[in-house]
Amino acid sequence: MLVSAARSFLPGFDRPGKTSGVPGHQESMTVHQIQGSSPCAGSGPAVDVRTWRRCRLLEAGFPVSLAQWVAADPRFDLHALLELVDRGCPPPLAVRILAPESRESAS
């Protein structure tokens, strides 16, 4: 037998099942709003996608004009942009790297 029949290798897990025996386990999930954690987070009405994209870019350190321009162009992969910036790439360079191909150069 490759696995020990003793349960000592997982202390606190003496009952079968994924979540049984887990300290601090809650039966239901709740949503907590963190006030002041983000300028985009709030308890107000939902914002449109363009506004959300702009806000995420601003939070990542994009200049306002660049954030507005990129947020308005759905061809930009926002997650890829933010990943590059998280790795230390300056926002203008990240935009140049991930710039969508223009229609003129595609033909």
PDB file of N, CA and C in Angstrom:
ATOM      1  N   MET A   1       0.850  -1.174   0.000  1.00  0.00           N
ATOM      2  CA  MET A   1       0.000   0.000   0.000  1.00  0.00           C
ATOM      3  C   MET A   1       0.897   1.238   0.000  1.00  0.00           C
ATOM      4  N   LEU A   2       0.627   2.186  -0.876  1.00  0.00           N
ATOM      5  CA  LEU A   2       1.436   3.386  -1.000  1.00  0.00           C
ATOM      6  C   LEU A   2       1.034   4.488  -0.036  1.00  0.00           C
ATOM      7  N   VAL A   3      -0.204   4.511   0.390  1.00  0.00           N
ATOM      8  CA  VAL A   3      -0.691   5.552   1.278  1.00  0.00           C
ATOM      9  C   VAL A   3      -0.977   4.945   2.638  1.00  0.00           C
ATOM     10  N   SER A   4      -0.533   5.604   3.667  1.00  0.00           N
ATOM     11  CA  SER A   4      -0.751   5.125   5.018  1.00  0.00           C
ATOM     12  C   SER A   4      -2.227   5.160   5.367  1.00  0.00           C
ATOM     13  N   ALA A   5      -2.676   4.150   6.037  1.00  0.00           N
ATOM     14  CA  ALA A   5      -4.065   4.127   6.477  1.00  0.00           C
ATOM     15  C   ALA A   5      -4.279   5.046   7.662  1.00  0.00           C
ATOM     16  N   ALA A   6      -3.199   5.425   8.326  1.00  0.00           N
ATOM     17  CA  ALA A   6      -3.313   6.343   9.464  1.00  0.00           C
ATOM     18  C   ALA A   6      -3.619   7.745   8.957  1.00  0.00           C
ATOM     19  N   ARG A   7      -4.424   8.479   9.679  1.00  0.00           N
ATOM     20  CA  ARG A   7      -4.817   9.816   9.260  1.00  0.00           C
ATOM     21  C   ARG A   7      -3.978  10.889   9.935  1.00  0.00           C
ATOM     22  N   SER A   8      -2.874  10.525  10.510  1.00  0.00           N
ATOM     23  CA  SER A   8      -2.064  11.495  11.232  1.00  0.00           C
ATOM     24  C   SER A   8      -1.394  12.503  10.307  1.00  0.00           C
ATOM     25  N   PHE A   9      -1.295  12.204   9.022  1.00  0.00           N
ATOM     26  CA  PHE A   9      -0.662  13.126   8.094  1.00  0.00           C
ATOM     27  C   PHE A   9      -1.559  14.303   7.750  1.00  0.00           C
ATOM     28  N   LEU A  10      -2.815  14.255   8.085  1.00  0.00           N
ATOM     29  CA  LEU A  10      -3.739  15.366   7.871  1.00  0.00           C
ATOM     30  C   LEU A  10      -4.458  15.669   9.187  1.00  0.00           C
ATOM     31  N   PRO A  11      -3.809  16.343  10.103  1.00  0.00           N
ATOM     32  CA  PRO A  11      -4.462  16.612  11.382  1.00  0.00           C
ATOM     33  C   PRO A  11      -5.707  17.481  11.198  1.00  0.00           C
ATOM     34  N   GLY A  12      -6.732  17.136  11.943  1.00  0.00           N
ATOM     35  CA  GLY A  12      -7.968  17.910  11.880  1.00  0.00           C
ATOM     36  C   GLY A  12      -8.928  17.437  10.801  1.00  0.00           C
ATOM     37  N   PHE A  13      -8.522  16.470  10.010  1.00  0.00           N
ATOM     38  CA  PHE A  13      -9.377  15.946   8.939  1.00  0.00           C
ATOM     39  C   PHE A  13      -9.760  14.514   9.296  1.00  0.00           C
ATOM     40  N   ASP A  14     -10.593  14.380  10.289  1.00  0.00           N
ATOM     41  CA  ASP A  14     -10.944  13.045  10.741  1.00  0.00           C
ATOM     42  C   ASP A  14     -12.287  12.570  10.195  1.00  0.00           C
ATOM     43  N   ARG A  15     -12.932  13.388   9.382  1.00  0.00           N
ATOM     44  CA  ARG A  15     -14.190  12.980   8.761  1.00  0.00           C
ATOM     45  C   ARG A  15     -14.045  13.029   7.254  1.00  0.00           C
ATOM     46  N   PRO A  16     -14.739  12.180   6.530  1.00  0.00           N
ATOM     47  CA  PRO A  16     -14.636  12.196   5.063  1.00  0.00           C
ATOM     48  C   PRO A  16     -15.301  13.436   4.477  1.00  0.00           C
ATOM     49  N   GLY A  17     -14.893  13.789   3.278  1.00  0.00           N
ATOM     50  CA  GLY A  17     -15.476  14.927   2.580  1.00  0.00           C
ATOM     51  C   GLY A  17     -14.485  16.057   2.435  1.00  0.00           C
ATOM     52  N   LYS A  18     -14.670  16.869   1.415  1.00  0.00           N
ATOM     53  CA  LYS A  18     -13.737  17.956   1.121  1.00  0.00           C
ATOM     54  C   LYS A  18     -13.675  19.018   2.205  1.00  0.00           C
ATOM     55  N   THR A  19     -14.811  19.412   2.730  1.00  0.00           N
ATOM     56  CA  THR A  19     -14.821  20.545   3.637  1.00  0.00           C
ATOM     57  C   THR A  19     -15.084  20.168   5.081  1.00  0.00           C
ATOM     58  N   SER A  20     -15.403  18.940   5.335  1.00  0.00           N
ATOM     59  CA  SER A  20     -15.682  18.592   6.720  1.00  0.00           C
ATOM     60  C   SER A  20     -14.387  18.580   7.511  1.00  0.00           C
ATOM     61  N   GLY A  21     -14.457  19.078   8.707  1.00  0.00           N
ATOM     62  CA  GLY A  21     -13.289  19.091   9.566  1.00  0.00           C
ATOM     63  C   GLY A  21     -12.356  20.268   9.330  1.00  0.00           C
ATOM     64  N   VAL A  22     -12.697  21.136   8.402  1.00  0.00           N
ATOM     65  CA  VAL A  22     -11.848  22.282   8.120  1.00  0.00           C
ATOM     66  C   VAL A  22     -12.146  23.359   9.158  1.00  0.00           C
ATOM     67  N   PRO A  23     -11.124  23.783   9.915  1.00  0.00           N
ATOM     68  CA  PRO A  23     -11.368  24.830  10.906  1.00  0.00           C
ATOM     69  C   PRO A  23     -11.830  26.122  10.230  1.00  0.00           C
ATOM     70  N   GLY A  24     -12.842  26.743  10.796  1.00  0.00           N
ATOM     71  CA  GLY A  24     -13.327  28.016  10.276  1.00  0.00           C
ATOM     72  C   GLY A  24     -14.184  27.896   9.030  1.00  0.00           C
ATOM     73  N   HIS A  25     -14.583  26.699   8.671  1.00  0.00           N
ATOM     74  CA  HIS A  25     -15.409  26.509   7.479  1.00  0.00           C
ATOM     75  C   HIS A  25     -16.785  27.119   7.693  1.00  0.00           C
ATOM     76  N   GLN A  26     -17.275  27.843   6.691  1.00  0.00           N
ATOM     77  CA  GLN A  26     -18.600  28.439   6.748  1.00  0.00           C
ATOM     78  C   GLN A  26     -19.485  27.751   5.721  1.00  0.00           C
ATOM     79  N   GLU A  27     -20.707  27.541   6.088  1.00  0.00           N
ATOM     80  CA  GLU A  27     -21.640  26.863   5.199  1.00  0.00           C
ATOM     81  C   GLU A  27     -22.073  27.742   4.035  1.00  0.00           C
ATOM     82  N   SER A  28     -22.156  29.047   4.233  1.00  0.00           N
ATOM     83  CA  SER A  28     -22.583  29.913   3.145  1.00  0.00           C
ATOM     84  C   SER A  28     -21.558  31.015   2.945  1.00  0.00           C
ATOM     85  N   MET A  29     -21.507  31.517   1.721  1.00  0.00           N
ATOM     86  CA  MET A  29     -20.576  32.585   1.393  1.00  0.00           C
ATOM     87  C   MET A  29     -21.290  33.923   1.519  1.00  0.00           C
ATOM     88  N   THR A  30     -20.542  34.922   1.936  1.00  0.00           N
ATOM     89  CA  THR A  30     -21.087  36.264   2.006  1.00  0.00           C
ATOM     90  C   THR A  30     -20.166  37.197   1.250  1.00  0.00           C
ATOM     91  N   VAL A  31     -20.721  38.301   0.798  1.00  0.00           N
ATOM     92  CA  VAL A  31     -19.947  39.298   0.079  1.00  0.00           C
ATOM     93  C   VAL A  31     -19.674  40.449   1.028  1.00  0.00           C
ATOM     94  N   HIS A  32     -18.419  40.835   1.118  1.00  0.00           N
ATOM     95  CA  HIS A  32     -18.041  41.955   1.965  1.00  0.00           C
ATOM     96  C   HIS A  32     -17.508  43.067   1.090  1.00  0.00           C
ATOM     97  N   GLN A  33     -18.048  44.241   1.225  1.00  0.00           N
ATOM     98  CA  GLN A  33     -17.546  45.403   0.507  1.00  0.00           C
ATOM     99  C   GLN A  33     -16.427  46.003   1.337  1.00  0.00           C
ATOM    100  N   ILE A  34     -15.282  46.230   0.723  1.00  0.00           N
ATOM    101  CA  ILE A  34     -14.172  46.863   1.407  1.00  0.00           C
ATOM    102  C   ILE A  34     -14.183  48.326   1.006  1.00  0.00           C
ATOM    103  N   GLN A  35     -14.491  49.175   1.923  1.00  0.00           N
ATOM    104  CA  GLN A  35     -14.594  50.599   1.643  1.00  0.00           C
ATOM    105  C   GLN A  35     -13.211  51.195   1.475  1.00  0.00           C
ATOM    106  N   GLY A  36     -13.037  51.997   0.450  1.00  0.00           N
ATOM    107  CA  GLY A  36     -11.795  52.711   0.254  1.00  0.00           C
ATOM    108  C   GLY A  36     -10.661  51.879  -0.314  1.00  0.00           C
ATOM    109  N   SER A  37     -10.894  50.621  -0.642  1.00  0.00           N
ATOM    110  CA  SER A  37      -9.823  49.784  -1.157  1.00  0.00           C
ATOM    111  C   SER A  37      -9.494  50.103  -2.610  1.00  0.00           C
ATOM    112  N   SER A  38     -10.455  50.639  -3.321  1.00  0.00           N
ATOM    113  CA  SER A  38     -10.262  50.916  -4.733  1.00  0.00           C
ATOM    114  C   SER A  38     -11.176  52.055  -5.140  1.00  0.00           C
ATOM    115  N   PRO A  39     -10.668  52.964  -5.961  1.00  0.00           N
ATOM    116  CA  PRO A  39     -11.558  54.034  -6.406  1.00  0.00           C
ATOM    117  C   PRO A  39     -12.711  53.517  -7.253  1.00  0.00           C
ATOM    118  N   CYS A  40     -12.566  52.337  -7.825  1.00  0.00           N
ATOM    119  CA  CYS A  40     -13.633  51.776  -8.658  1.00  0.00           C
ATOM    120  C   CYS A  40     -14.647  50.990  -7.846  1.00  0.00           C
ATOM    121  N   ALA A  41     -14.246  50.546  -6.669  1.00  0.00           N
ATOM    122  CA  ALA A  41     -15.154  49.751  -5.851  1.00  0.00           C
ATOM    123  C   ALA A  41     -16.126  50.686  -5.147  1.00  0.00           C
ATOM    124  N   GLY A  42     -17.341  50.289  -5.138  1.00  0.00           N
ATOM    125  CA  GLY A  42     -18.326  51.115  -4.459  1.00  0.00           C
ATOM    126  C   GLY A  42     -19.638  50.384  -4.367  1.00  0.00           C
ATOM    127  N   SER A  43     -20.524  50.926  -3.614  1.00  0.00           N
ATOM    128  CA  SER A  43     -21.818  50.279  -3.438  1.00  0.00           C
ATOM    129  C   SER A  43     -22.868  50.887  -4.352  1.00  0.00           C
ATOM    130  N   GLY A  44     -22.449  51.759  -5.261  1.00  0.00           N
ATOM    131  CA  GLY A  44     -23.377  52.401  -6.177  1.00  0.00           C
ATOM    132  C   GLY A  44     -23.800  51.479  -7.302  1.00  0.00           C
ATOM    133  N   PRO A  45     -24.461  52.034  -8.290  1.00  0.00           N
ATOM    134  CA  PRO A  45     -24.927  51.221  -9.410  1.00  0.00           C
ATOM    135  C   PRO A  45     -23.759  50.676 -10.224  1.00  0.00           C
ATOM    136  N   ALA A  46     -24.021  49.606 -10.935  1.00  0.00           N
ATOM    137  CA  ALA A  46     -23.000  48.988 -11.776  1.00  0.00           C
ATOM    138  C   ALA A  46     -22.549  49.966 -12.865  1.00  0.00           C
ATOM    139  N   VAL A  47     -21.285  49.860 -13.234  1.00  0.00           N
ATOM    140  CA  VAL A  47     -20.751  50.728 -14.282  1.00  0.00           C
ATOM    141  C   VAL A  47     -20.637  49.942 -15.580  1.00  0.00           C
ATOM    142  N   ASP A  48     -20.561  50.659 -16.692  1.00  0.00           N
ATOM    143  CA  ASP A  48     -20.441  49.987 -17.977  1.00  0.00           C
ATOM    144  C   ASP A  48     -19.010  49.450 -18.137  1.00  0.00           C
ATOM    145  N   VAL A  49     -18.815  48.608 -19.114  1.00  0.00           N
ATOM    146  CA  VAL A  49     -17.537  47.935 -19.320  1.00  0.00           C
ATOM    147  C   VAL A  49     -16.421  48.935 -19.591  1.00  0.00           C
ATOM    148  N   ARG A  50     -16.686  49.929 -20.410  1.00  0.00           N
ATOM    149  CA  ARG A  50     -15.651  50.910 -20.748  1.00  0.00           C
ATOM    150  C   ARG A  50     -15.180  51.654 -19.500  1.00  0.00           C
ATOM    151  N   THR A  51     -16.095  52.041 -18.641  1.00  0.00           N
ATOM    152  CA  THR A  51     -15.739  52.729 -17.399  1.00  0.00           C
ATOM    153  C   THR A  51     -14.947  51.808 -16.485  1.00  0.00           C
ATOM    154  N   TRP A  52     -15.357  50.555 -16.396  1.00  0.00           N
ATOM    155  CA  TRP A  52     -14.637  49.584 -15.576  1.00  0.00           C
ATOM    156  C   TRP A  52     -13.220  49.380 -16.097  1.00  0.00           C
ATOM    157  N   ARG A  53     -13.074  49.227 -17.417  1.00  0.00           N
ATOM    158  CA  ARG A  53     -11.742  49.045 -18.004  1.00  0.00           C
ATOM    159  C   ARG A  53     -10.862  50.269 -17.721  1.00  0.00           C
ATOM    160  N   ARG A  54     -11.411  51.448 -17.900  1.00  0.00           N
ATOM    161  CA  ARG A  54     -10.657  52.684 -17.647  1.00  0.00           C
ATOM    162  C   ARG A  54     -10.198  52.739 -16.193  1.00  0.00           C
ATOM    163  N   CYS A  55     -11.080  52.411 -15.291  1.00  0.00           N
ATOM    164  CA  CYS A  55     -10.759  52.451 -13.873  1.00  0.00           C
ATOM    165  C   CYS A  55      -9.652  51.452 -13.524  1.00  0.00           C
ATOM    166  N   ARG A  56      -9.732  50.246 -14.068  1.00  0.00           N
ATOM    167  CA  ARG A  56      -8.692  49.234 -13.812  1.00  0.00           C
ATOM    168  C   ARG A  56      -7.345  49.711 -14.340  1.00  0.00           C
ATOM    169  N   LEU A  57      -7.328  50.340 -15.501  1.00  0.00           N
ATOM    170  CA  LEU A  57      -6.083  50.850 -16.080  1.00  0.00           C
ATOM    171  C   LEU A  57      -5.514  51.981 -15.237  1.00  0.00           C
ATOM    172  N   LEU A  58      -6.372  52.862 -14.758  1.00  0.00           N
ATOM    173  CA  LEU A  58      -5.919  53.957 -13.899  1.00  0.00           C
ATOM    174  C   LEU A  58      -5.330  53.410 -12.597  1.00  0.00           C
ATOM    175  N   GLU A  59      -5.972  52.397 -12.031  1.00  0.00           N
ATOM    176  CA  GLU A  59      -5.458  51.769 -10.810  1.00  0.00           C
ATOM    177  C   GLU A  59      -4.073  51.173 -11.035  1.00  0.00           C
ATOM    178  N   ALA A  60      -3.814  50.705 -12.255  1.00  0.00           N
ATOM    179  CA  ALA A  60      -2.532  50.084 -12.581  1.00  0.00           C
ATOM    180  C   ALA A  60      -1.453  51.106 -12.901  1.00  0.00           C
ATOM    181  N   GLY A  61      -1.818  52.394 -12.932  1.00  0.00           N
ATOM    182  CA  GLY A  61      -0.825  53.424 -13.159  1.00  0.00           C
ATOM    183  C   GLY A  61      -0.781  53.993 -14.561  1.00  0.00           C
ATOM    184  N   PHE A  62      -1.779  53.706 -15.380  1.00  0.00           N
ATOM    185  CA  PHE A  62      -1.828  54.261 -16.730  1.00  0.00           C
ATOM    186  C   PHE A  62      -2.147  55.743 -16.659  1.00  0.00           C
ATOM    187  N   PRO A  63      -1.542  56.556 -17.518  1.00  0.00           N
ATOM    188  CA  PRO A  63      -1.949  57.965 -17.597  1.00  0.00           C
ATOM    189  C   PRO A  63      -3.416  58.048 -18.039  1.00  0.00           C
ATOM    190  N   VAL A  64      -4.093  59.090 -17.626  1.00  0.00           N
ATOM    191  CA  VAL A  64      -5.530  59.224 -17.898  1.00  0.00           C
ATOM    192  C   VAL A  64      -5.847  59.124 -19.386  1.00  0.00           C
ATOM    193  N   SER A  65      -5.123  59.853 -20.223  1.00  0.00           N
ATOM    194  CA  SER A  65      -5.437  59.851 -21.655  1.00  0.00           C
ATOM    195  C   SER A  65      -5.226  58.463 -22.271  1.00  0.00           C
ATOM    196  N   LEU A  66      -4.177  57.775 -21.859  1.00  0.00           N
ATOM    197  CA  LEU A  66      -3.912  56.430 -22.381  1.00  0.00           C
ATOM    198  C   LEU A  66      -4.967  55.442 -21.885  1.00  0.00           C
ATOM    199  N   ALA A  67      -5.354  55.569 -20.627  1.00  0.00           N
ATOM    200  CA  ALA A  67      -6.388  54.688 -20.065  1.00  0.00           C
ATOM    201  C   ALA A  67      -7.711  54.870 -20.794  1.00  0.00           C
ATOM    202  N   GLN A  68      -8.078  56.121 -21.108  1.00  0.00           N
ATOM    203  CA  GLN A  68      -9.331  56.376 -21.829  1.00  0.00           C
ATOM    204  C   GLN A  68      -9.281  55.774 -23.226  1.00  0.00           C
ATOM    205  N   TRP A  69      -8.148  55.937 -23.903  1.00  0.00           N
ATOM    206  CA  TRP A  69      -8.009  55.440 -25.267  1.00  0.00           C
ATOM    207  C   TRP A  69      -8.064  53.915 -25.312  1.00  0.00           C
ATOM    208  N   VAL A  70      -7.315  53.259 -24.414  1.00  0.00           N
ATOM    209  CA  VAL A  70      -7.277  51.789 -24.386  1.00  0.00           C
ATOM    210  C   VAL A  70      -8.629  51.224 -23.941  1.00  0.00           C
ATOM    211  N   ALA A  71      -9.251  51.840 -22.955  1.00  0.00           N
ATOM    212  CA  ALA A  71     -10.540  51.347 -22.457  1.00  0.00           C
ATOM    213  C   ALA A  71     -11.612  51.384 -23.536  1.00  0.00           C
ATOM    214  N   ALA A  72     -11.511  52.339 -24.440  1.00  0.00           N
ATOM    215  CA  ALA A  72     -12.508  52.487 -25.495  1.00  0.00           C
ATOM    216  C   ALA A  72     -12.313  51.495 -26.637  1.00  0.00           C
ATOM    217  N   ASP A  73     -11.159  50.842 -26.693  1.00  0.00           N
ATOM    218  CA  ASP A  73     -10.870  49.906 -27.785  1.00  0.00           C
ATOM    219  C   ASP A  73     -10.961  48.472 -27.269  1.00  0.00           C
ATOM    220  N   PRO A  74     -12.052  47.767 -27.580  1.00  0.00           N
ATOM    221  CA  PRO A  74     -12.236  46.408 -27.051  1.00  0.00           C
ATOM    222  C   PRO A  74     -11.253  45.385 -27.623  1.00  0.00           C
ATOM    223  N   ARG A  75     -10.461  45.769 -28.609  1.00  0.00           N
ATOM    224  CA  ARG A  75      -9.479  44.830 -29.163  1.00  0.00           C
ATOM    225  C   ARG A  75      -8.291  44.622 -28.228  1.00  0.00           C
ATOM    226  N   PHE A  76      -8.085  45.538 -27.276  1.00  0.00           N
ATOM    227  CA  PHE A  76      -7.002  45.370 -26.314  1.00  0.00           C
ATOM    228  C   PHE A  76      -7.394  44.326 -25.275  1.00  0.00           C
ATOM    229  N   ASP A  77      -6.476  43.415 -24.999  1.00  0.00           N
ATOM    230  CA  ASP A  77      -6.675  42.416 -23.951  1.00  0.00           C
ATOM    231  C   ASP A  77      -6.267  43.063 -22.628  1.00  0.00           C
ATOM    232  N   LEU A  78      -7.244  43.483 -21.861  1.00  0.00           N
ATOM    233  CA  LEU A  78      -6.981  44.205 -20.625  1.00  0.00           C
ATOM    234  C   LEU A  78      -6.163  43.365 -19.646  1.00  0.00           C
ATOM    235  N   HIS A  79      -6.469  42.096 -19.528  1.00  0.00           N
ATOM    236  CA  HIS A  79      -5.753  41.239 -18.588  1.00  0.00           C
ATOM    237  C   HIS A  79      -4.290  41.087 -18.982  1.00  0.00           C
ATOM    238  N   ALA A  80      -4.014  40.967 -20.258  1.00  0.00           N
ATOM    239  CA  ALA A  80      -2.631  40.872 -20.711  1.00  0.00           C
ATOM    240  C   ALA A  80      -1.882  42.174 -20.447  1.00  0.00           C
ATOM    241  N   LEU A  81      -2.533  43.300 -20.665  1.00  0.00           N
ATOM    242  CA  LEU A  81      -1.920  44.602 -20.374  1.00  0.00           C
ATOM    243  C   LEU A  81      -1.565  44.721 -18.893  1.00  0.00           C
ATOM    244  N   LEU A  82      -2.513  44.385 -18.042  1.00  0.00           N
ATOM    245  CA  LEU A  82      -2.284  44.499 -16.608  1.00  0.00           C
ATOM    246  C   LEU A  82      -1.201  43.534 -16.136  1.00  0.00           C
ATOM    247  N   GLU A  83      -1.122  42.371 -16.751  1.00  0.00           N
ATOM    248  CA  GLU A  83      -0.080  41.410 -16.389  1.00  0.00           C
ATOM    249  C   GLU A  83       1.304  41.956 -16.743  1.00  0.00           C
ATOM    250  N   LEU A  84       1.436  42.551 -17.928  1.00  0.00           N
ATOM    251  CA  LEU A  84       2.719  43.146 -18.310  1.00  0.00           C
ATOM    252  C   LEU A  84       3.119  44.258 -17.338  1.00  0.00           C
ATOM    253  N   VAL A  85       2.168  45.101 -16.992  1.00  0.00           N
ATOM    254  CA  VAL A  85       2.458  46.205 -16.075  1.00  0.00           C
ATOM    255  C   VAL A  85       2.825  45.664 -14.693  1.00  0.00           C
ATOM    256  N   ASP A  86       2.133  44.621 -14.248  1.00  0.00           N
ATOM    257  CA  ASP A  86       2.458  43.996 -12.957  1.00  0.00           C
ATOM    258  C   ASP A  86       3.879  43.447 -12.941  1.00  0.00           C
ATOM    259  N   ARG A  87       4.377  43.063 -14.103  1.00  0.00           N
ATOM    260  CA  ARG A  87       5.741  42.530 -14.202  1.00  0.00           C
ATOM    261  C   ARG A  87       6.788  43.620 -14.391  1.00  0.00           C
ATOM    262  N   GLY A  88       6.345  44.881 -14.371  1.00  0.00           N
ATOM    263  CA  GLY A  88       7.287  45.988 -14.429  1.00  0.00           C
ATOM    264  C   GLY A  88       7.365  46.716 -15.752  1.00  0.00           C
ATOM    265  N   CYS A  89       6.560  46.340 -16.707  1.00  0.00           N
ATOM    266  CA  CYS A  89       6.566  47.006 -18.005  1.00  0.00           C
ATOM    267  C   CYS A  89       5.845  48.353 -17.878  1.00  0.00           C
ATOM    268  N   PRO A  90       6.432  49.424 -18.393  1.00  0.00           N
ATOM    269  CA  PRO A  90       5.727  50.718 -18.351  1.00  0.00           C
ATOM    270  C   PRO A  90       4.438  50.652 -19.181  1.00  0.00           C
ATOM    271  N   PRO A  91       3.364  51.283 -18.716  1.00  0.00           N
ATOM    272  CA  PRO A  91       2.087  51.216 -19.437  1.00  0.00           C
ATOM    273  C   PRO A  91       2.172  51.569 -20.927  1.00  0.00           C
ATOM    274  N   PRO A  92       2.872  52.651 -21.329  1.00  0.00           N
ATOM    275  CA  PRO A  92       2.918  52.941 -22.770  1.00  0.00           C
ATOM    276  C   PRO A  92       3.578  51.814 -23.587  1.00  0.00           C
ATOM    277  N   LEU A  93       4.597  51.192 -23.022  1.00  0.00           N
ATOM    278  CA  LEU A  93       5.254  50.092 -23.729  1.00  0.00           C
ATOM    279  C   LEU A  93       4.339  48.870 -23.786  1.00  0.00           C
ATOM    280  N   ALA A  94       3.625  48.587 -22.713  1.00  0.00           N
ATOM    281  CA  ALA A  94       2.687  47.463 -22.709  1.00  0.00           C
ATOM    282  C   ALA A  94       1.630  47.649 -23.797  1.00  0.00           C
ATOM    283  N   VAL A  95       1.168  48.877 -23.966  1.00  0.00           N
ATOM    284  CA  VAL A  95       0.172  49.171 -25.011  1.00  0.00           C
ATOM    285  C   VAL A  95       0.784  48.944 -26.388  1.00  0.00           C
ATOM    286  N   ARG A  96       2.016  49.371 -26.586  1.00  0.00           N
ATOM    287  CA  ARG A  96       2.674  49.158 -27.881  1.00  0.00           C
ATOM    288  C   ARG A  96       2.870  47.680 -28.171  1.00  0.00           C
ATOM    289  N   ILE A  97       3.251  46.918 -27.148  1.00  0.00           N
ATOM    290  CA  ILE A  97       3.486  45.482 -27.333  1.00  0.00           C
ATOM    291  C   ILE A  97       2.195  44.770 -27.721  1.00  0.00           C
ATOM    292  N   LEU A  98       1.113  45.116 -27.070  1.00  0.00           N
ATOM    293  CA  LEU A  98      -0.162  44.405 -27.277  1.00  0.00           C
ATOM    294  C   LEU A  98      -1.135  45.142 -28.189  1.00  0.00           C
ATOM    295  N   ALA A  99      -0.653  46.144 -28.902  1.00  0.00           N
ATOM    296  CA  ALA A  99      -1.526  46.911 -29.791  1.00  0.00           C
ATOM    297  C   ALA A  99      -2.135  45.992 -30.849  1.00  0.00           C
ATOM    298  N   PRO A 100      -3.433  46.096 -31.034  1.00  0.00           N
ATOM    299  CA  PRO A 100      -4.085  45.291 -32.068  1.00  0.00           C
ATOM    300  C   PRO A 100      -3.608  45.728 -33.446  1.00  0.00           C
ATOM    301  N   GLU A 101      -3.590  44.794 -34.349  1.00  0.00           N
ATOM    302  CA  GLU A 101      -3.156  45.084 -35.709  1.00  0.00           C
ATOM    303  C   GLU A 101      -4.160  46.027 -36.362  1.00  0.00           C
ATOM    304  N   SER A 102      -3.649  47.067 -36.989  1.00  0.00           N
ATOM    305  CA  SER A 102      -4.549  48.015 -37.655  1.00  0.00           C
ATOM    306  C   SER A 102      -5.095  47.409 -38.940  1.00  0.00           C
ATOM    307  N   ARG A 103      -6.214  47.876 -39.386  1.00  0.00           N
ATOM    308  CA  ARG A 103      -6.863  47.325 -40.592  1.00  0.00           C
ATOM    309  C   ARG A 103      -6.052  47.637 -41.841  1.00  0.00           C
ATOM    310  N   GLU A 104      -5.366  48.769 -41.871  1.00  0.00           N
ATOM    311  CA  GLU A 104      -4.575  49.122 -43.059  1.00  0.00           C
ATOM    312  C   GLU A 104      -3.415  48.156 -43.258  1.00  0.00           C
ATOM    313  N   SER A 105      -2.743  47.787 -42.158  1.00  0.00           N
ATOM    314  CA  SER A 105      -1.589  46.901 -42.276  1.00  0.00           C
ATOM    315  C   SER A 105      -2.000  45.438 -42.429  1.00  0.00           C
ATOM    316  N   ALA A 106      -3.260  45.117 -42.142  1.00  0.00           N
ATOM    317  CA  ALA A 106      -3.726  43.745 -42.252  1.00  0.00           C
ATOM    318  C   ALA A 106      -3.973  43.354 -43.722  1.00  0.00           C
ATOM    319  N   SER A 107      -4.138  44.315 -44.610  1.00  0.00           N
ATOM    320  CA  SER A 107      -4.456  43.978 -45.992  1.00  0.00           C
ATOM    321  C   SER A 107      -3.238  43.942 -46.867  1.00  0.00           C
TER     322      SER A 107
END
